[in-house]
Amino acid sequence: MVFGDSDFAANRFFKFQANGDLFMNAISWLAEEEDLVSIRVKSPEDRRLFLSETQSKIILIFGVVLLPLSVLAAAVAVYKQRK
């Protein structure tokens, strides 16, 4: 088993991009404990998005009004160009 460097097993990188799983699986494999080699389940994180009322209105106006109108305008422009 060859790794580019040992930083992936350092404390500050251990939880990033499954570095911890890679390290633990490598150790289990080297110890000939293949039954311990697995992808461990991640604990779910609370990743809520908190928006102010102004931000909610901007997203609503953009998503419900401006974006559909721009698609409609593009469709009309293509239709007129082909006609």
Protein backbone atom coordinates (compact mmCIF):
# COMPACT_ATOMS: atom_id res chain seq x y z
CA MET A 1 0.00 0.00 0.00
CA VAL A 2 1.43 3.38 -1.02
CA PHE A 3 0.17 6.83 -0.05
CA GLY A 4 1.50 10.19 -1.23
CA ASP A 5 2.08 11.47 2.29
CA SER A 6 0.93 10.95 5.83
CA ASP A 7 -1.15 14.13 6.11
CA PHE A 8 -4.36 12.25 5.29
CA ALA A 9 -4.07 10.51 8.67
CA ALA A 10 -3.34 13.71 10.62
CA ASN A 11 -6.01 14.89 13.05
CA ARG A 12 -6.91 17.97 11.02
CA PHE A 13 -7.57 15.92 7.85
CA PHE A 14 -8.91 12.71 9.42
CA LYS A 15 -12.61 13.52 8.83
CA PHE A 16 -12.20 15.06 5.37
CA GLN A 17 -13.18 13.06 2.29
CA ALA A 18 -13.19 9.72 4.11
CA ASN A 19 -9.50 9.94 5.04
CA GLY A 20 -10.32 8.29 8.35
CA ASP A 21 -12.00 5.36 6.59
CA LEU A 22 -9.03 4.97 4.26
CA PHE A 23 -6.58 4.96 7.15
CA MET A 24 -8.62 2.59 9.33
CA ASN A 25 -9.26 0.22 6.40
CA ALA A 26 -5.56 0.23 5.49
CA ILE A 27 -4.61 -0.65 9.07
CA SER A 28 -7.28 -3.39 9.20
CA TRP A 29 -6.08 -4.81 5.89
CA LEU A 30 -2.43 -4.76 6.97
CA ALA A 31 -3.42 -6.53 10.19
CA GLU A 32 -5.18 -9.16 8.05
CA GLU A 33 -8.52 -8.27 9.61
CA GLU A 34 -10.45 -8.12 6.32
CA ASP A 35 -13.78 -8.46 8.11
CA LEU A 36 -13.16 -5.01 9.61
CA VAL A 37 -12.56 -3.40 6.21
CA SER A 38 -15.72 -1.46 5.37
CA ILE A 39 -17.14 1.93 4.65
CA ARG A 40 -18.30 3.28 7.96
CA VAL A 41 -21.65 5.01 8.30
CA LYS A 42 -21.49 8.78 8.65
CA SER A 43 -23.54 10.43 11.32
CA PRO A 44 -26.08 12.82 9.82
CA GLU A 45 -25.27 16.50 10.11
CA ASP A 46 -27.74 19.29 10.68
CA ARG A 47 -27.27 21.40 7.55
CA ARG A 48 -30.16 23.84 7.68
CA LEU A 49 -30.17 26.98 5.63
CA PHE A 50 -31.39 30.01 7.54
CA LEU A 51 -32.66 32.87 5.37
CA SER A 52 -33.91 36.28 6.30
CA GLU A 53 -37.29 37.41 5.03
CA THR A 54 -35.60 39.58 2.40
CA GLN A 55 -33.48 36.68 1.15
CA SER A 56 -36.58 34.46 0.98
CA LYS A 57 -38.40 37.07 -1.11
CA ILE A 58 -35.45 37.46 -3.47
CA ILE A 59 -35.26 33.71 -4.02
CA LEU A 60 -39.02 33.53 -4.53
CA ILE A 61 -39.02 36.38 -7.07
CA PHE A 62 -36.05 34.95 -8.94
CA GLY A 63 -37.24 31.33 -8.95
CA VAL A 64 -40.95 31.91 -9.56
CA VAL A 65 -40.96 35.06 -11.71
CA LEU A 66 -37.64 36.03 -13.31
CA LEU A 67 -36.30 32.60 -14.24
CA PRO A 68 -39.52 31.39 -15.94
CA LEU A 69 -39.91 34.74 -17.72
CA SER A 70 -36.35 34.56 -19.04
CA VAL A 71 -36.95 31.03 -20.36
CA LEU A 72 -40.19 32.20 -21.99
CA ALA A 73 -38.42 35.21 -23.54
CA ALA A 74 -35.68 32.95 -24.91
CA ALA A 75 -38.30 30.61 -26.38
CA VAL A 76 -40.12 33.52 -28.04
CA ALA A 77 -36.83 34.84 -29.45
CA VAL A 78 -35.95 31.45 -30.92
CA TYR A 79 -39.47 31.08 -32.33
CA LYS A 80 -39.34 34.53 -34.00
CA GLN A 81 -35.86 33.88 -35.37
CA ARG A 82 -36.94 30.60 -36.99
CA LYS A 83 -40.12 32.08 -38.43
